[in-house]
Structures are given as C-alpha cells and as structure tokens.
C-alpha atoms as a PDB file:
ATOM      1  CA  MET A   1      -6.467  27.911 130.887  1.00  0.00           C
ATOM      2  CA  ASP A   2      -4.737  24.567 131.123  1.00  0.00           C
ATOM      3  CA  VAL A   3      -4.899  21.900 128.377  1.00  0.00           C
ATOM      4  CA  GLN A   4      -4.025  18.263 128.993  1.00  0.00           C
ATOM      5  CA  ILE A   5      -3.897  15.641 126.253  1.00  0.00           C
ATOM      6  CA  THR A   6      -3.822  11.940 127.042  1.00  0.00           C
ATOM      7  CA  LEU A   7      -4.064   8.772 124.970  1.00  0.00           C
ATOM      8  CA  GLU A   8      -5.893   5.674 126.156  1.00  0.00           C
ATOM      9  CA  LYS A   9      -3.075   3.634 124.568  1.00  0.00           C
ATOM     10  CA  THR A  10       0.236   5.238 123.610  1.00  0.00           C
ATOM     11  CA  GLN A  11       0.840   2.349 121.213  1.00  0.00           C
ATOM     12  CA  LEU A  12      -1.438   1.360 118.356  1.00  0.00           C
ATOM     13  CA  GLU A  13      -1.629  -1.886 116.395  1.00  0.00           C
ATOM     14  CA  CYS A  14      -0.355  -1.404 112.850  1.00  0.00           C
ATOM     15  CA  SER A  15      -3.514  -2.982 111.410  1.00  0.00           C
ATOM     16  CA  GLU A  16      -7.062  -2.331 112.640  1.00  0.00           C
ATOM     17  CA  GLY A  17      -5.875  -0.673 115.841  1.00  0.00           C
ATOM     18  CA  MET A  18      -7.978   1.615 117.996  1.00  0.00           C
ATOM     19  CA  THR A  19      -7.340   4.084 120.806  1.00  0.00           C
ATOM     20  CA  HIS A  20      -8.962   7.181 122.284  1.00  0.00           C
ATOM     21  CA  LEU A  21      -7.537  10.683 122.600  1.00  0.00           C
ATOM     22  CA  LEU A  22      -8.745  12.795 125.527  1.00  0.00           C
ATOM     23  CA  VAL A  23      -8.349  16.589 125.364  1.00  0.00           C
ATOM     24  CA  HIS A  24      -9.124  18.136 128.758  1.00  0.00           C
ATOM     25  CA  ILE A  25      -9.470  21.932 128.955  1.00  0.00           C
ATOM     26  CA  ASP A  26      -9.448  23.340 132.484  1.00  0.00           C
ATOM     27  CA  HIS A  27     -11.281  26.651 132.809  1.00  0.00           C
ATOM     28  CA  SER A  28     -10.044  27.488 136.308  1.00  0.00           C
ATOM     29  CA  SER A  29      -8.772  30.889 135.136  1.00  0.00           C
ATOM     30  CA  ALA A  30      -9.996  33.325 132.451  1.00  0.00           C
ATOM     31  CA  VAL A  31     -12.425  31.909 129.895  1.00  0.00           C
ATOM     32  CA  PRO A  32     -12.499  32.907 126.204  1.00  0.00           C
ATOM     33  CA  ASN A  33     -15.948  33.193 124.551  1.00  0.00           C
ATOM     34  CA  LYS A  34     -15.042  31.039 121.555  1.00  0.00           C
ATOM     35  CA  MET A  35     -12.408  28.330 121.146  1.00  0.00           C
ATOM     36  CA  MET A  36     -11.416  26.161 118.210  1.00  0.00           C
ATOM     37  CA  ILE A  37      -9.719  22.812 118.717  1.00  0.00           C
ATOM     38  CA  ARG A  38      -8.258  21.150 115.639  1.00  0.00           C
ATOM     39  CA  LEU A  39      -7.112  17.554 115.485  1.00  0.00           C
ATOM     40  CA  GLY A  40      -4.337  16.935 112.950  1.00  0.00           C
ATOM     41  CA  LEU A  41      -3.849  13.290 112.052  1.00  0.00           C
ATOM     42  CA  PRO A  42      -1.008  11.674 110.093  1.00  0.00           C
ATOM     43  CA  ASN A  43      -1.817   9.594 107.010  1.00  0.00           C
ATOM     44  CA  GLY A  44      -3.302   6.231 107.896  1.00  0.00           C
ATOM     45  CA  ILE A  45      -4.821   7.362 111.209  1.00  0.00           C
ATOM     46  CA  ASN A  46      -8.543   8.129 111.106  1.00  0.00           C
ATOM     47  CA  ALA A  47     -10.944   9.513 113.704  1.00  0.00           C
ATOM     48  CA  LEU A  48     -14.646   9.423 114.371  1.00  0.00           C
ATOM     49  CA  LYS A  49     -16.441  12.614 115.402  1.00  0.00           C
ATOM     50  CA  ASN A  50     -15.838  13.481 119.043  1.00  0.00           C
ATOM     51  CA  LEU A  51     -17.798  11.240 121.380  1.00  0.00           C
ATOM     52  CA  ASN A  52     -18.958  14.216 123.465  1.00  0.00           C
ATOM     53  CA  GLN A  53     -21.199  15.468 120.624  1.00  0.00           C
ATOM     54  CA  PHE A  54     -19.645  18.944 120.390  1.00  0.00           C
ATOM     55  CA  SER A  55     -20.012  20.772 117.071  1.00  0.00           C
ATOM     56  CA  GLU A  56     -17.363  19.445 114.671  1.00  0.00           C
ATOM     57  CA  ASP A  57     -16.676  19.711 110.944  1.00  0.00           C
ATOM     58  CA  ALA A  58     -15.269  17.073 108.590  1.00  0.00           C
ATOM     59  CA  ASP A  59     -11.664  18.221 109.251  1.00  0.00           C
ATOM     60  CA  HIS A  60     -12.045  17.573 113.010  1.00  0.00           C
ATOM     61  CA  ASN A  61     -12.301  21.261 113.938  1.00  0.00           C
ATOM     62  CA  VAL A  62     -14.350  21.515 117.126  1.00  0.00           C
ATOM     63  CA  THR A  63     -15.882  24.857 118.041  1.00  0.00           C
ATOM     64  CA  LEU A  64     -16.693  25.612 121.673  1.00  0.00           C
ATOM     65  CA  ILE A  65     -18.773  28.728 122.328  1.00  0.00           C
ATOM     66  CA  ASP A  66     -19.459  30.221 125.775  1.00  0.00           C
ATOM     67  CA  ARG A  67     -18.182  27.237 127.757  1.00  0.00           C
ATOM     68  CA  HIS A  68     -17.643  28.229 131.376  1.00  0.00           C
ATOM     69  CA  GLU A  69     -16.832  24.797 132.754  1.00  0.00           C
ATOM     70  CA  ASP A  70     -14.120  22.218 132.164  1.00  0.00           C
ATOM     71  CA  VAL A  71     -14.376  20.512 128.791  1.00  0.00           C
ATOM     72  CA  ASP A  72     -13.421  16.962 127.869  1.00  0.00           C
ATOM     73  CA  LEU A  73     -13.197  16.030 124.193  1.00  0.00           C
ATOM     74  CA  VAL A  74     -12.779  12.372 123.316  1.00  0.00           C
ATOM     75  CA  PHE A  75     -11.825  11.239 119.833  1.00  0.00           C
ATOM     76  CA  GLU A  76     -11.811   7.595 118.742  1.00  0.00           C
ATOM     77  CA  LEU A  77      -8.709   7.010 116.599  1.00  0.00           C
ATOM     78  CA  PHE A  78      -8.279   3.955 114.417  1.00  0.00           C
ATOM     79  CA  THR A  79      -6.341   2.420 111.552  1.00  0.00           C
ATOM     80  CA  GLU A  80      -7.994   0.718 108.586  1.00  0.00           C
ATOM     81  CA  GLU A  81      -4.933  -0.327 106.637  1.00  0.00           C
ATOM     82  CA  ASP A  82      -1.479  -1.557 107.569  1.00  0.00           C
ATOM     83  CA  LEU A  83       0.855   1.174 108.778  1.00  0.00           C
ATOM     84  CA  PRO A  84       4.635   0.910 108.972  1.00  0.00           C
ATOM     85  CA  ILE A  85       6.034   0.192 112.426  1.00  0.00           C
ATOM     86  CA  GLY A  86       7.441   3.322 114.053  1.00  0.00           C
ATOM     87  CA  SER A  87       6.360   6.540 115.703  1.00  0.00           C
ATOM     88  CA  LEU A  88       3.850   9.169 114.563  1.00  0.00           C
ATOM     89  CA  LEU A  89       2.842  12.554 115.907  1.00  0.00           C
ATOM     90  CA  LEU A  90      -0.754  13.631 116.452  1.00  0.00           C
ATOM     91  CA  MET A  91      -1.274  17.394 116.429  1.00  0.00           C
ATOM     92  CA  VAL A  92      -3.836  19.208 118.579  1.00  0.00           C
ATOM     93  CA  THR A  93      -4.188  22.945 117.976  1.00  0.00           C
ATOM     94  CA  LEU A  94      -6.124  25.225 120.296  1.00  0.00           C
ATOM     95  CA  SER A  95      -6.933  28.755 119.129  1.00  0.00           C
ATOM     96  CA  CYS A  96      -9.034  31.507 120.694  1.00  0.00           C
ATOM     97  CA  MET A  97      -9.240  35.212 121.373  1.00  0.00           C
ATOM     98  CA  PHE A  98      -7.765  35.867 124.792  1.00  0.00           C
ATOM     99  CA  ASN A  99      -7.802  39.406 126.278  1.00  0.00           C
ATOM    100  CA  GLY A 100      -8.259  40.854 122.773  1.00  0.00           C
ATOM    101  CA  LYS A 101      -5.310  38.944 121.299  1.00  0.00           C
ATOM    102  CA  GLN A 102      -5.266  35.844 119.101  1.00  0.00           C
ATOM    103  CA  TYR A 103      -3.941  32.872 121.055  1.00  0.00           C
ATOM    104  CA  LYS A 104      -2.794  29.702 119.292  1.00  0.00           C
ATOM    105  CA  ARG A 105      -1.101  26.695 120.807  1.00  0.00           C
ATOM    106  CA  THR A 106      -0.141  23.472 119.033  1.00  0.00           C
ATOM    107  CA  MET A 107       0.661  20.356 121.004  1.00  0.00           C
ATOM    108  CA  GLN A 108       2.218  17.166 119.668  1.00  0.00           C
ATOM    109  CA  VAL A 109       1.234  13.770 120.966  1.00  0.00           C
ATOM    110  CA  PRO A 110       3.535  10.827 120.119  1.00  0.00           C
ATOM    111  CA  LEU A 111       1.884   7.578 119.082  1.00  0.00           C
ATOM    112  CA  ALA A 112       3.897   4.397 118.527  1.00  0.00           C
ATOM    113  CA  ILE A 113       2.768   1.964 115.813  1.00  0.00           C
ATOM    114  CA  VAL A 114       3.544  -1.602 116.874  1.00  0.00           C
ATOM    115  CA  PRO A 115       3.091  -5.038 115.262  1.00  0.00           C
ATOM    116  CA  GLU A 116      -0.100  -6.961 115.982  1.00  0.00           C
ATOM    117  CA  GLU A 117       1.864  -9.571 117.959  1.00  0.00           C
ATOM    118  CA  ARG A 118       2.496  -6.921 120.643  1.00  0.00           C
ATOM    119  CA  SER A 119      -1.156  -5.815 120.857  1.00  0.00           C
ATOM    120  CA  GLU A 120      -1.768  -7.879 124.008  1.00  0.00           C
ATOM    121  CA  GLN A 121       1.127  -6.111 125.763  1.00  0.00           C
ATOM    122  CA  ILE A 122      -0.056  -2.544 125.101  1.00  0.00           C
ATOM    123  CA  PRO A 123      -0.744  -0.721 128.386  1.00  0.00           C
ATOM    124  CA  VAL A 124      -4.204   0.892 128.659  1.00  0.00           C
ATOM    125  CA  ASN A 125      -5.030   4.019 130.665  1.00  0.00           C
ATOM    126  CA  ALA A 126      -7.890   2.684 132.830  1.00  0.00           C
ATOM    127  CA  GLU A 127      -9.299   6.151 133.609  1.00  0.00           C
ATOM    128  CA  ILE A 128      -9.791   7.003 129.940  1.00  0.00           C
ATOM    129  CA  ALA A 129     -11.110   3.518 129.153  1.00  0.00           C
ATOM    130  CA  SER A 130     -13.771   3.785 131.877  1.00  0.00           C
ATOM    131  CA  TYR A 131     -14.639   7.368 130.831  1.00  0.00           C
ATOM    132  CA  VAL A 132     -15.124   6.260 127.204  1.00  0.00           C
ATOM    133  CA  ALA A 133     -17.256   3.302 128.332  1.00  0.00           C
ATOM    134  CA  LYS A 134     -19.387   5.695 130.397  1.00  0.00           C
ATOM    135  CA  ILE A 135     -19.882   8.060 127.419  1.00  0.00           C
ATOM    136  CA  LYS A 136     -20.828   5.212 125.080  1.00  0.00           C
ATOM    137  CA  ASN A 137     -23.216   3.749 127.668  1.00  0.00           C
ATOM    138  CA  ASN A 138     -24.919   7.149 128.114  1.00  0.00           C
ATOM    139  CA  GLN A 139     -25.280   7.493 124.332  1.00  0.00           C
ATOM    140  CA  ARG A 140     -26.793   4.005 124.120  1.00  0.00           C
ATOM    141  CA  GLN A 141     -29.293   4.809 126.876  1.00  0.00           C
ATOM    142  CA  HIS A 142     -30.213   8.079 125.179  1.00  0.00           C
ATOM    143  CA  GLU A 143     -30.813   6.308 121.865  1.00  0.00           C
ATOM    144  CA  GLU A 144     -32.995   3.731 123.604  1.00  0.00           C
ATOM    145  CA  GLN A 145     -35.132   6.500 125.124  1.00  0.00           C
ATOM    146  CA  ILE A 146     -36.006   7.905 121.720  1.00  0.00           C
ATOM    147  CA  ARG A 147     -39.429   6.650 120.781  1.00  0.00           C
ATOM    148  CA  TYR A 148     -40.243   5.775 117.217  1.00  0.00           C
ATOM    149  CA  VAL A 149     -43.705   5.915 115.708  1.00  0.00           C
ATOM    150  CA  VAL A 150     -44.447   2.999 113.455  1.00  0.00           C
ATOM    151  CA  LEU A 151     -46.974   3.870 110.807  1.00  0.00           C
ATOM    152  CA  PRO A 152     -49.129   1.164 109.279  1.00  0.00           C
ATOM    153  CA  PRO A 153     -48.321   0.343 105.665  1.00  0.00           C
ATOM    154  CA  LEU A 154     -50.337   2.149 103.043  1.00  0.00           C
ATOM    155  CA  GLN A 155     -52.718   0.094 100.990  1.00  0.00           C
ATOM    156  CA  ALA A 156     -52.783   0.688  97.274  1.00  0.00           C
ATOM    157  CA  ARG A 157     -56.115   0.047  95.611  1.00  0.00           C
ATOM    158  CA  ASP A 158     -57.033  -0.078  91.999  1.00  0.00           C
ATOM    159  CA  TYR A 159     -59.688   2.509  91.485  1.00  0.00           C
ATOM    160  CA  THR A 160     -61.449   3.585  88.355  1.00  0.00           C
ATOM    161  CA  ARG A 161     -63.068   6.977  88.284  1.00  0.00           C
ATOM    162  CA  SER A 162     -66.646   7.409  87.281  1.00  0.00           C
ATOM    163  CA  PRO A 163     -67.501   9.596  84.275  1.00  0.00           C
ATOM    164  CA  LEU A 164     -68.698  12.327  86.677  1.00  0.00           C
ATOM    165  CA  GLU A 165     -65.387  12.263  88.606  1.00  0.00           C
ATOM    166  CA  LYS A 166     -63.445  12.375  85.342  1.00  0.00           C
ATOM    167  CA  LYS A 167     -65.452  15.411  84.242  1.00  0.00           C
ATOM    168  CA  HIS A 168     -64.849  17.347  87.470  1.00  0.00           C
ATOM    169  CA  CYS A 169     -61.175  16.531  88.064  1.00  0.00           C
ATOM    170  CA  ILE A 170     -58.553  18.988  86.870  1.00  0.00           C
ATOM    171  CA  GLN A 171     -57.635  16.893  83.893  1.00  0.00           C
ATOM    172  CA  GLY A 172     -61.313  16.562  82.973  1.00  0.00           C
ATOM    173  CA  PHE A 173     -61.774  20.271  83.635  1.00  0.00           C
ATOM    174  CA  THR A 174     -59.081  21.262  81.136  1.00  0.00           C
ATOM    175  CA  GLU A 175     -60.513  18.812  78.613  1.00  0.00           C
ATOM    176  CA  ALA A 176     -63.940  20.447  78.915  1.00  0.00           C
ATOM    177  CA  PHE A 177     -62.544  23.775  77.643  1.00  0.00           C
ATOM    178  CA  ARG A 178     -60.992  22.379  74.491  1.00  0.00           C
END
C-alpha cells in the first residue's frame, strides 16, 4: 500500500490563503478492511471536510471501510487570520490493521507561509487544481439534480366553533363531566 501526499500550492498566503491537500492511497498490493486517515493541522490552518464526501469527524479523522480501489482524499486548507511568515508542518497519519498487526504511519508535509505580496508568484500544481475543479463541478451538478418540492403556503383562517362542536370536542367533553 503506497501513500502519496501532494499540495496544490506548497506556499500559502499569510492572510486568507487557500490550498488543497491530496492524499492518494494506492491499493495495488494487500488491502486492509478498515483504514483511518487523520489530518493534523497547526494553529491558524483550518480545513473543510474532505471534498470526496468520505465519512469524517470534526477532528478530520476519515474512516475508509472495505475500499478495494485507489482512494483520493482532497482537503481544502485555508487561513482566516494573519499567520507569521515561515514554515509549518502538516501531519497526515494513516493507521490500519495489516496482516493482524496494527500499522501506523505519520507523514509530514511542509507548508511555507508567505506574505500576500508574493501570492501571485506561488506555483500551482495544475493536476490537483484541475482535479479539485472536477470534484466541485460534479458536486454542483449533483446538487442541481436534486429536486425540491415547493408546498403552497398554509392559509390561517379565523374560525369560531359552534356550540355543538364545542360540546363534542375534547375540551368540551371534559367540561361535560364536571
């Protein structure tokens, strides 16, 4: 089982920057029944849920069960507040049961934080950018295919009950036994 991790941009703007992290798992050899992939982010870097719609919890732990084909996980990473210029490490941990033994591998991915002035000079991995665009386009098309039923608004009417209705309603019924 081979794991490759690639960033769309290896440099991120210090303020309101965005990039995508691709985790590719090649299942060309033996396949475990259940895998957990955990994304560890440094302070100031946030992520949306994986764009591939795999099961994920709030701590960015993705669980893959009975996957017998290659898997691509794409995470959208972003900054909301100013980060100091420098280098950070993203952590990706893969754990699974392999041949009856617990297997755990942690990989570090360097990410440079650069000033906004250099944002135009940041190289972009075109393969990942086109893959992300394809995923987002497919999601948009899927959302457009969902049909919504529009119900007409309810009309509220003032209605006064007749003495006979009052007598036979539950409230009137309980009053009759007093």
